[in-house]
Amino acid sequence: MNTWLTTKTASERYAMLFNVNPILKSLLLLSTVLLSACSVGNAVRMDQVVLTSSELQQSGQAGETTTIPFTLDSQRIVMEISLEKPNGGRRTALAWFNMGMAQPVLSKALYQELQIGSGQPLRMQIGDRVLQVAPHAVVNGDGGMGVPEFSHLFAPLPVETMLPASVLQEFVVTLDYGRRVVTLTKPSVRRIEGVAIPARVNPRTGIVSIEISIAGNTYPIVIDAGSGYSWIRGDTARGWLSRHPEWQRSNGAIGQANANMVDFDFEKKGTLLRIPQMRLDDVRLQNVGVLGTGPVLGSFLDGIVGDIFWDNWQKGASTPVIGWIGGNILKHFSVTIDYPNRVTYWQQQSPLDSHDLDQVGVNLIRKGDRYFIGGLVRRTEPQSSGPPAADIQPNDELIAVDHIPVRGISKDAVLAALHGVPGDRRVLVIEHRGVRREIETTVIAFD
């Protein structure tokens, strides 16, 4: 068995299982369908993206730099852009800036309204820059594990489109989290402030990776402002924990690490770690929170066929990576990505918050506008108090926190209600099989 595992590639092992065991065949077929959207999508070639002239550009009023304000929702960047309609009119839309995907994505209603399926290009104005993307490079409809539905991620915020970094590669892009602005600058020799860190950019996808150092080892990792929290491969996390078991904080995603709130084990059974020090060249970060994702197919099958989620997603990077740096780190910086010169610049604006995940110990699943318990989460060392397992069960619905109804409110609002100072008391209203109960529980430290 061990020889077979070491002499076959993951794809060869997958194929052999597929042909031998009909039960595994059905399971793997199902998992392939579920995980097909984990890919970053087809590449957007730069000949499919055209920088066009706006009235500002034609009149000479467009400067070297354009600045666009943004908001943070679940620690993800959301900005307003302007879209050209087929009749020449314009309409605004909220766009999720996602550095981990390759193609623009429109909600199905917006895709139809802009007549992309009829051959109309996607023309969008970002500040005073106008971009045109070929219609066949635009994705019709959000959805899937790789790009969860906009309503699932952002509701009640009406996000309608996803803007990938691939269409901005001709610019120097600055994400200033302190000022809440994105700045697009024409490439120049102007000095850029911050610690310079060389980057790799896959020109087909726009995905940017840098190297980080942890416990004396160096790893490639993606910069992804589209993700609210830093996630890494489960096998990487397990390797670290075999050497540093004291890094583990919980089994199960908690707080903003519970980023997508989907009913899959890669969040529900992920491992939360606090890394004492992470180095990005000369930038040193203390007590960094990361989520090592749980097994997608279960430990046995993942051990045989590999981690489908990460093996598929990382194809968009220029080199195999261990995961991504997300909003929990990025929001403390102004980060500039000089795409043409393949360099990033980092200016730290505030220290990382080691108490960002302190909350009631529950993992959440979002279904429509409702929230359900995905699992109970306790700090691994030392043991901490939390909701008794007999009182709260997976799949119970969370109705209210301290008498604040949670149905229909944003994920940030739910997490804020569960957050607090360790030892604070919270009253949860839980519905179990049609019966509602009030349960008093405690905020736990995951620092």
Protein backbone atom coordinates (compact mmCIF):
# COMPACT_ATOMS: atom_id res chain seq x y z
CA MET A 1 0.00 0.00 0.00
CA ASN A 2 2.74 2.45 0.94
CA THR A 3 4.66 1.62 -2.24
CA TRP A 4 1.54 2.20 -4.30
CA LEU A 5 0.98 5.59 -2.66
CA THR A 6 4.55 6.73 -3.20
CA THR A 7 4.89 5.56 -6.80
CA LYS A 8 1.66 6.97 -8.17
CA THR A 9 0.72 10.58 -8.75
CA ALA A 10 -2.45 11.90 -7.13
CA SER A 11 -4.25 11.82 -10.48
CA GLU A 12 -3.18 8.20 -11.09
CA ARG A 13 -4.38 7.16 -7.63
CA TYR A 14 -7.65 9.00 -8.21
CA ALA A 15 -8.16 7.19 -11.53
CA MET A 16 -7.44 3.75 -10.05
CA LEU A 17 -9.91 4.29 -7.22
CA PHE A 18 -12.45 5.63 -9.69
CA ASN A 19 -12.26 2.45 -11.77
CA VAL A 20 -12.09 -0.07 -8.91
CA ASN A 21 -14.69 0.86 -6.28
CA PRO A 22 -18.21 1.87 -7.38
CA ILE A 23 -18.98 3.53 -4.01
CA LEU A 24 -15.81 5.59 -4.18
CA LYS A 25 -16.57 6.30 -7.80
CA SER A 26 -19.90 7.88 -6.87
CA LEU A 27 -18.36 9.82 -4.00
CA LEU A 28 -15.53 11.14 -6.11
CA LEU A 29 -17.90 12.09 -8.90
CA LEU A 30 -19.95 14.07 -6.40
CA SER A 31 -16.89 15.73 -4.93
CA THR A 32 -15.65 16.64 -8.40
CA VAL A 33 -18.92 18.42 -9.12
CA LEU A 34 -18.87 20.22 -5.76
CA LEU A 35 -15.26 21.27 -6.12
CA SER A 36 -15.23 22.19 -9.79
CA ALA A 37 -15.70 25.83 -8.82
CA CYS A 38 -12.61 25.81 -6.61
CA SER A 39 -10.55 26.70 -9.65
CA VAL A 40 -9.53 30.31 -10.11
CA GLY A 41 -11.24 30.10 -13.49
CA ASN A 42 -9.90 30.35 -17.00
CA ALA A 43 -7.14 32.86 -17.53
CA VAL A 44 -7.98 36.32 -18.80
CA ARG A 45 -5.35 37.02 -21.43
CA MET A 46 -4.22 40.61 -21.58
CA ASP A 47 -5.38 40.80 -25.20
CA GLN A 48 -8.88 40.25 -23.80
CA VAL A 49 -8.56 43.35 -21.58
CA VAL A 50 -8.44 46.71 -23.31
CA LEU A 51 -7.68 50.01 -21.60
CA THR A 52 -10.06 52.44 -23.27
CA SER A 53 -10.41 56.21 -23.18
CA SER A 54 -12.96 57.87 -20.95
CA GLU A 55 -14.06 61.48 -21.35
CA LEU A 56 -11.67 62.38 -18.53
CA GLN A 57 -8.79 60.68 -20.28
CA GLN A 58 -9.63 62.24 -23.64
CA SER A 59 -9.85 65.71 -22.14
CA GLY A 60 -6.54 65.31 -20.37
CA GLN A 61 -8.15 65.60 -16.95
CA ALA A 62 -7.21 62.07 -15.90
CA GLY A 63 -4.05 62.20 -13.87
CA GLU A 64 -1.30 59.74 -13.20
CA THR A 65 -3.29 58.39 -10.28
CA THR A 66 -6.91 57.51 -9.59
CA THR A 67 -8.20 56.74 -6.11
CA ILE A 68 -11.34 54.74 -5.27
CA PRO A 69 -12.80 54.46 -1.75
CA PHE A 70 -13.72 51.04 -0.44
CA THR A 71 -15.45 49.43 2.50
CA LEU A 72 -14.56 46.26 4.34
CA ASP A 73 -17.17 43.55 4.62
CA SER A 74 -16.03 40.40 6.40
CA GLN A 75 -12.54 41.92 5.96
CA ARG A 76 -12.98 41.78 2.16
CA ILE A 77 -12.61 44.84 -0.08
CA VAL A 78 -15.83 46.09 -1.67
CA MET A 79 -15.80 49.13 -3.97
CA GLU A 80 -18.24 50.92 -6.25
CA ILE A 81 -17.60 50.80 -9.99
CA SER A 82 -19.52 52.11 -12.99
CA LEU A 83 -20.71 49.81 -15.79
CA GLU A 84 -21.74 50.75 -19.32
CA LYS A 85 -25.13 49.44 -20.44
CA PRO A 86 -25.83 48.35 -24.03
CA ASN A 87 -27.83 51.56 -24.69
CA GLY A 88 -24.85 53.70 -23.73
CA GLY A 89 -26.17 54.56 -20.29
CA ARG A 90 -24.34 53.76 -17.09
CA ARG A 91 -25.17 52.14 -13.79
CA THR A 92 -23.18 51.62 -10.63
CA ALA A 93 -22.51 48.30 -8.92
CA LEU A 94 -20.69 47.11 -5.84
CA ALA A 95 -17.68 44.98 -6.74
CA TRP A 96 -15.76 42.52 -4.60
CA PHE A 97 -12.04 42.98 -5.31
CA ASN A 98 -10.72 39.41 -5.37
CA MET A 99 -7.02 38.79 -5.93
CA GLY A 100 -7.46 35.02 -5.83
CA MET A 101 -9.59 34.64 -8.97
CA ALA A 102 -8.81 35.20 -12.65
CA GLN A 103 -12.07 36.18 -14.38
CA PRO A 104 -14.65 38.91 -13.75
CA VAL A 105 -17.87 37.43 -12.36
CA LEU A 106 -21.32 39.04 -12.68
CA SER A 107 -24.51 38.02 -10.95
CA LYS A 108 -26.84 36.32 -13.42
CA ALA A 109 -29.20 39.30 -13.39
CA LEU A 110 -26.40 41.75 -14.11
CA TYR A 111 -24.90 39.51 -16.81
CA GLN A 112 -28.28 39.48 -18.53
CA GLU A 113 -28.84 43.22 -18.07
CA LEU A 114 -25.49 44.04 -19.70
CA GLN A 115 -26.18 41.51 -22.51
CA ILE A 116 -22.76 39.89 -22.14
CA GLY A 117 -24.20 36.62 -23.49
CA SER A 118 -25.20 38.43 -26.70
CA GLY A 119 -21.62 39.46 -27.37
CA GLN A 120 -21.47 42.77 -25.54
CA PRO A 121 -18.08 43.37 -23.90
CA LEU A 122 -17.91 44.24 -20.22
CA ARG A 123 -17.03 47.93 -19.98
CA MET A 124 -16.35 49.16 -16.48
CA GLN A 125 -15.03 52.42 -15.10
CA ILE A 126 -12.88 52.30 -11.98
CA GLY A 127 -12.21 55.82 -10.86
CA ASP A 128 -11.24 57.55 -14.13
CA ARG A 129 -9.87 54.38 -15.71
CA VAL A 130 -12.05 52.50 -18.16
CA LEU A 131 -11.47 48.80 -18.84
CA GLN A 132 -13.08 46.61 -21.45
CA VAL A 133 -13.13 42.81 -21.09
CA ALA A 134 -14.06 40.44 -23.91
CA PRO A 135 -17.48 38.81 -23.32
CA HIS A 136 -16.17 35.23 -23.40
CA ALA A 137 -13.81 36.08 -20.53
CA VAL A 138 -16.69 37.08 -18.21
CA VAL A 139 -18.35 34.50 -15.95
CA ASN A 140 -22.15 34.35 -15.92
CA GLY A 141 -23.41 33.97 -12.39
CA ASP A 142 -21.76 33.67 -9.03
CA GLY A 143 -21.84 30.40 -7.13
CA GLY A 144 -19.85 27.36 -6.10
CA MET A 145 -17.30 26.76 -3.36
CA GLY A 146 -14.60 28.74 -5.10
CA VAL A 147 -16.82 31.77 -5.61
CA PRO A 148 -19.72 31.49 -3.14
CA GLU A 149 -22.81 33.45 -4.10
CA PHE A 150 -22.51 37.17 -3.48
CA SER A 151 -25.65 37.08 -1.33
CA HIS A 152 -24.13 34.31 0.78
CA LEU A 153 -20.92 36.25 1.33
CA PHE A 154 -22.14 39.83 1.60
CA ALA A 155 -25.91 40.12 2.17
CA PRO A 156 -27.53 42.45 3.01
CA LEU A 157 -24.82 44.41 1.13
CA PRO A 158 -25.92 44.19 -2.55
CA VAL A 159 -22.66 43.07 -4.18
CA GLU A 160 -23.24 42.17 -7.85
CA THR A 161 -19.82 41.62 -9.37
CA MET A 162 -16.36 40.29 -8.64
CA LEU A 163 -13.39 42.26 -9.94
CA PRO A 164 -10.22 40.16 -10.29
CA ALA A 165 -6.70 41.53 -10.09
CA SER A 166 -5.98 40.04 -13.53
CA VAL A 167 -7.55 43.06 -15.25
CA LEU A 168 -5.37 45.56 -13.36
CA GLN A 169 -1.93 44.25 -14.24
CA GLU A 170 -0.90 47.33 -16.19
CA PHE A 171 -1.13 49.43 -13.02
CA VAL A 172 0.67 49.91 -9.75
CA VAL A 173 -2.11 49.07 -7.28
CA THR A 174 -2.08 50.31 -3.68
CA LEU A 175 -4.47 48.92 -1.08
CA ASP A 176 -4.43 51.47 1.74
CA TYR A 177 -6.48 49.84 4.47
CA GLY A 178 -5.95 52.70 6.92
CA ARG A 179 -7.48 55.28 4.55
CA ARG A 180 -9.86 52.71 2.98
CA VAL A 181 -8.83 53.55 -0.58
CA VAL A 182 -7.52 51.67 -3.62
CA THR A 183 -5.14 53.67 -5.80
CA LEU A 184 -4.28 52.86 -9.41
CA THR A 185 -1.10 54.49 -10.71
CA LYS A 186 0.58 54.42 -14.09
CA PRO A 187 3.92 52.63 -13.96
CA SER A 188 6.72 55.10 -13.35
CA VAL A 189 10.05 55.46 -11.65
CA ARG A 190 8.41 57.32 -8.75
CA ARG A 191 9.60 56.06 -5.39
CA ILE A 192 7.10 53.83 -3.58
CA GLU A 193 7.09 53.87 0.22
CA GLY A 194 7.37 50.68 2.24
CA VAL A 195 9.47 47.54 2.60
CA ALA A 196 10.10 46.16 -0.89
CA ILE A 197 9.41 42.44 -1.25
CA PRO A 198 9.92 40.70 -4.61
CA ALA A 199 6.82 39.01 -5.99
CA ARG A 200 5.88 36.44 -8.55
CA VAL A 201 2.90 37.21 -10.78
CA ASN A 202 1.17 34.72 -13.01
CA PRO A 203 0.42 36.94 -16.03
CA ARG A 204 -2.45 34.67 -17.08
CA THR A 205 -4.35 35.12 -13.82
CA GLY A 206 -2.88 38.15 -12.06
CA ILE A 207 -2.35 36.11 -8.88
CA VAL A 208 0.56 37.46 -6.80
CA SER A 209 2.73 35.40 -4.48
CA ILE A 210 5.59 36.30 -2.15
CA GLU A 211 7.82 34.34 0.20
CA ILE A 212 7.33 34.27 3.96
CA SER A 213 9.55 32.82 6.68
CA ILE A 214 8.19 30.77 9.58
CA ALA A 215 10.35 28.99 12.16
CA GLY A 216 13.43 29.17 9.93
CA ASN A 217 11.73 27.88 6.75
CA THR A 218 10.61 29.80 3.69
CA TYR A 219 7.26 29.27 1.96
CA PRO A 220 5.53 30.77 -1.11
CA ILE A 221 2.11 32.25 -0.33
CA VAL A 222 -0.48 34.28 -2.26
CA ILE A 223 -1.58 37.82 -1.38
CA ASP A 224 -5.38 37.71 -1.50
CA ALA A 225 -7.39 40.79 -0.54
CA GLY A 226 -10.45 38.84 -1.68
CA SER A 227 -10.27 36.59 1.37
CA GLY A 228 -11.20 37.83 4.82
CA TYR A 229 -8.79 35.54 6.66
CA SER A 230 -5.47 33.80 6.05
CA TRP A 231 -5.88 30.14 5.12
CA ILE A 232 -3.23 27.50 4.53
CA ARG A 233 -3.17 23.92 3.36
CA GLY A 234 -4.16 21.38 5.97
CA ASP A 235 -1.08 19.24 5.34
CA THR A 236 1.16 22.27 5.88
CA ALA A 237 -0.59 23.02 9.18
CA ARG A 238 -0.24 19.41 10.30
CA GLY A 239 3.48 19.51 9.53
CA TRP A 240 3.93 22.65 11.63
CA LEU A 241 1.91 21.22 14.52
CA SER A 242 3.98 18.04 14.58
CA ARG A 243 6.93 20.26 15.48
CA HIS A 244 5.09 23.02 17.36
CA PRO A 245 1.91 21.61 18.95
CA GLU A 246 1.66 24.69 21.17
CA TRP A 247 0.64 26.76 18.12
CA GLN A 248 -2.80 25.12 17.89
CA ARG A 249 -5.71 27.11 19.29
CA SER A 250 -8.81 25.19 18.22
CA ASN A 251 -10.34 22.49 16.08
CA GLY A 252 -12.84 24.28 13.88
CA ALA A 253 -12.93 27.74 12.30
CA ILE A 254 -14.04 30.57 14.57
CA GLY A 255 -14.87 34.27 14.01
CA GLN A 256 -13.53 35.76 10.77
CA ALA A 257 -11.55 32.55 10.16
CA ASN A 258 -15.01 31.01 9.59
CA ALA A 259 -14.93 33.07 6.41
CA ASN A 260 -17.34 31.39 3.98
CA MET A 261 -19.71 29.76 6.49
CA VAL A 262 -20.34 26.80 4.18
CA ASP A 263 -21.32 23.31 5.29
CA PHE A 264 -18.01 21.61 4.40
CA ASP A 265 -15.32 20.17 6.63
CA PHE A 266 -12.55 22.42 5.36
CA GLU A 267 -13.98 25.10 7.66
CA LYS A 268 -15.90 23.06 10.22
CA LYS A 269 -12.93 20.75 10.87
CA GLY A 270 -10.13 23.17 10.11
CA THR A 271 -7.36 23.88 12.61
CA LEU A 272 -6.83 27.38 13.97
CA LEU A 273 -3.19 28.24 14.66
CA ARG A 274 -1.38 31.21 16.18
CA ILE A 275 2.11 31.47 14.67
CA PRO A 276 4.45 33.27 17.11
CA GLN A 277 6.36 35.08 14.37
CA MET A 278 5.99 35.37 10.61
CA ARG A 279 8.50 37.29 8.53
CA LEU A 280 7.79 39.00 5.23
CA ASP A 281 11.38 39.97 4.47
CA ASP A 282 12.08 42.74 7.02
CA VAL A 283 8.44 42.91 8.16
CA ARG A 284 7.95 40.89 11.34
CA LEU A 285 4.45 39.90 12.45
CA GLN A 286 3.66 38.55 15.90
CA ASN A 287 1.06 35.97 16.93
CA VAL A 288 -0.41 35.55 13.45
CA GLY A 289 -3.73 33.75 13.08
CA VAL A 290 -4.13 31.26 10.22
CA LEU A 291 -6.64 28.51 9.49
CA GLY A 292 -5.32 25.16 8.33
CA THR A 293 -8.19 23.79 6.28
CA GLY A 294 -9.82 20.49 7.16
CA PRO A 295 -9.97 17.47 4.81
CA VAL A 296 -12.40 18.04 1.96
CA LEU A 297 -13.15 14.34 1.33
CA GLY A 298 -12.27 13.09 4.80
CA SER A 299 -8.84 12.18 6.13
CA PHE A 300 -8.68 8.78 4.40
CA LEU A 301 -9.57 9.94 0.89
CA ASP A 302 -7.57 13.16 1.15
CA GLY A 303 -4.58 11.06 2.11
CA ILE A 304 -5.02 9.03 -1.08
CA VAL A 305 -6.04 11.55 -3.74
CA GLY A 306 -4.56 14.71 -2.21
CA ASP A 307 -6.17 18.00 -1.20
CA ILE A 308 -8.47 18.72 -4.15
CA PHE A 309 -9.30 22.25 -3.01
CA TRP A 310 -5.72 23.50 -2.77
CA ASP A 311 -4.27 21.39 -5.58
CA ASN A 312 -6.86 22.88 -7.92
CA TRP A 313 -6.85 26.47 -6.64
CA GLN A 314 -3.08 26.93 -6.62
CA LYS A 315 -2.89 26.28 -10.36
CA GLY A 316 -3.58 29.98 -10.77
CA ALA A 317 -0.36 30.92 -8.97
CA SER A 318 3.02 31.01 -10.67
CA THR A 319 4.38 28.35 -8.31
CA PRO A 320 2.89 25.85 -5.81
CA VAL A 321 1.89 27.76 -2.66
CA ILE A 322 0.91 26.91 0.90
CA GLY A 323 -2.13 29.19 0.99
CA TRP A 324 -2.99 32.88 1.07
CA ILE A 325 -2.50 35.96 3.22
CA GLY A 326 -5.98 37.39 3.84
CA GLY A 327 -7.71 40.38 5.36
CA ASN A 328 -6.78 39.67 8.99
CA ILE A 329 -3.16 40.55 8.08
CA LEU A 330 -3.65 42.92 5.16
CA LYS A 331 -6.00 45.28 7.01
CA HIS A 332 -3.07 46.43 9.16
CA PHE A 333 -1.06 47.60 6.12
CA SER A 334 -0.88 49.75 3.09
CA VAL A 335 0.21 47.25 0.42
CA THR A 336 1.38 48.31 -3.04
CA ILE A 337 1.62 45.78 -5.86
CA ASP A 338 3.84 46.99 -8.68
CA TYR A 339 2.63 44.50 -11.29
CA PRO A 340 4.92 45.60 -14.16
CA ASN A 341 8.07 45.37 -12.01
CA ARG A 342 7.01 42.35 -9.91
CA VAL A 343 7.59 44.02 -6.53
CA THR A 344 5.30 44.56 -3.52
CA TYR A 345 5.72 47.27 -0.88
CA TRP A 346 4.50 46.96 2.71
CA GLN A 347 3.83 49.79 5.17
CA GLN A 348 2.48 48.58 8.51
CA GLN A 349 -0.19 50.89 9.91
CA SER A 350 -1.20 49.05 13.08
CA PRO A 351 -0.21 45.95 15.06
CA LEU A 352 -2.02 42.68 14.46
CA ASP A 353 -4.87 41.96 16.87
CA SER A 354 -4.34 38.66 18.70
CA HIS A 355 -7.83 38.95 20.24
CA ASP A 356 -9.69 39.27 16.94
CA LEU A 357 -11.22 35.80 17.28
CA ASP A 358 -12.28 35.94 20.94
CA GLN A 359 -15.94 34.94 20.89
CA VAL A 360 -18.48 32.33 21.89
CA GLY A 361 -17.14 28.97 20.74
CA VAL A 362 -19.41 28.12 17.82
CA ASN A 363 -18.70 27.55 14.14
CA LEU A 364 -21.47 28.92 11.91
CA ILE A 365 -23.07 27.88 8.62
CA ARG A 366 -25.10 30.40 6.65
CA LYS A 367 -28.15 29.21 4.70
CA GLY A 368 -29.99 32.01 2.96
CA ASP A 369 -30.54 34.65 5.62
CA ARG A 370 -30.31 32.17 8.53
CA TYR A 371 -27.41 30.98 10.68
CA PHE A 372 -26.90 27.43 11.93
CA ILE A 373 -24.39 25.76 14.23
CA GLY A 374 -21.70 23.96 12.25
CA GLY A 375 -19.95 22.68 15.36
CA LEU A 376 -18.72 23.58 18.82
CA VAL A 377 -15.26 25.10 19.04
CA ARG A 378 -13.10 25.07 22.15
CA ARG A 379 -9.59 26.27 22.71
CA THR A 380 -7.31 23.25 22.69
CA GLU A 381 -4.78 24.42 25.32
CA PRO A 382 -5.63 25.25 27.97
CA GLN A 383 -9.16 23.89 28.06
CA SER A 384 -11.70 26.69 28.22
CA SER A 385 -15.33 26.79 29.15
CA GLY A 386 -17.93 27.04 26.43
CA PRO A 387 -21.46 26.01 25.55
CA PRO A 388 -22.26 22.50 26.87
CA ALA A 389 -22.50 19.99 24.04
CA ALA A 390 -25.79 18.73 25.48
CA ASP A 391 -27.35 22.18 25.07
CA ILE A 392 -26.12 23.15 21.58
CA GLN A 393 -25.93 20.68 18.71
CA PRO A 394 -24.70 20.93 15.11
CA ASN A 395 -27.49 22.04 12.76
CA ASP A 396 -29.33 23.92 15.53
CA GLU A 397 -30.42 27.36 14.33
CA LEU A 398 -29.01 30.44 16.01
CA ILE A 399 -31.98 32.76 16.50
CA ALA A 400 -30.54 35.59 18.63
CA VAL A 401 -27.49 36.70 20.61
CA ASP A 402 -28.25 38.74 23.75
CA HIS A 403 -31.76 39.30 22.40
CA ILE A 404 -30.43 40.63 19.05
CA PRO A 405 -32.18 38.66 16.27
CA VAL A 406 -29.63 37.39 13.74
CA ARG A 407 -31.83 36.30 10.85
CA GLY A 408 -31.14 38.54 7.86
CA ILE A 409 -28.25 40.51 9.38
CA SER A 410 -24.73 40.53 8.01
CA LYS A 411 -22.04 38.05 8.97
CA ASP A 412 -20.02 40.87 10.49
CA ALA A 413 -22.95 41.81 12.72
CA VAL A 414 -23.40 38.20 13.90
CA LEU A 415 -19.70 37.81 14.64
CA ALA A 416 -19.62 41.17 16.44
CA ALA A 417 -22.48 40.01 18.68
CA LEU A 418 -20.59 36.80 19.53
CA HIS A 419 -17.29 38.65 20.06
CA GLY A 420 -16.15 40.07 23.38
CA VAL A 421 -13.67 40.03 26.23
CA PRO A 422 -12.84 36.50 27.41
CA GLY A 423 -15.16 35.61 30.25
CA ASP A 424 -18.00 37.85 29.05
CA ARG A 425 -21.39 36.16 29.19
CA ARG A 426 -23.64 35.84 26.14
CA VAL A 427 -27.21 34.55 25.99
CA LEU A 428 -27.89 32.55 22.83
CA VAL A 429 -31.37 31.71 21.61
CA ILE A 430 -31.10 28.32 19.90
CA GLU A 431 -33.82 26.44 18.04
CA HIS A 432 -33.48 22.66 18.18
CA ARG A 433 -36.09 20.61 16.30
CA GLY A 434 -38.63 23.40 16.54
CA VAL A 435 -38.03 24.11 20.24
CA ARG A 436 -36.36 27.36 21.28
CA ARG A 437 -34.15 27.65 24.35
CA GLU A 438 -32.03 30.37 25.91
CA ILE A 439 -28.51 29.22 26.73
CA GLU A 440 -26.01 31.28 28.67
CA THR A 441 -22.44 30.80 27.53
CA THR A 442 -19.00 32.44 27.68
CA VAL A 443 -16.65 34.28 25.33
CA ILE A 444 -13.45 32.25 24.88
CA ALA A 445 -9.93 33.54 24.20
CA PHE A 446 -8.32 32.30 20.99
CA ASP A 447 -5.25 34.55 21.34
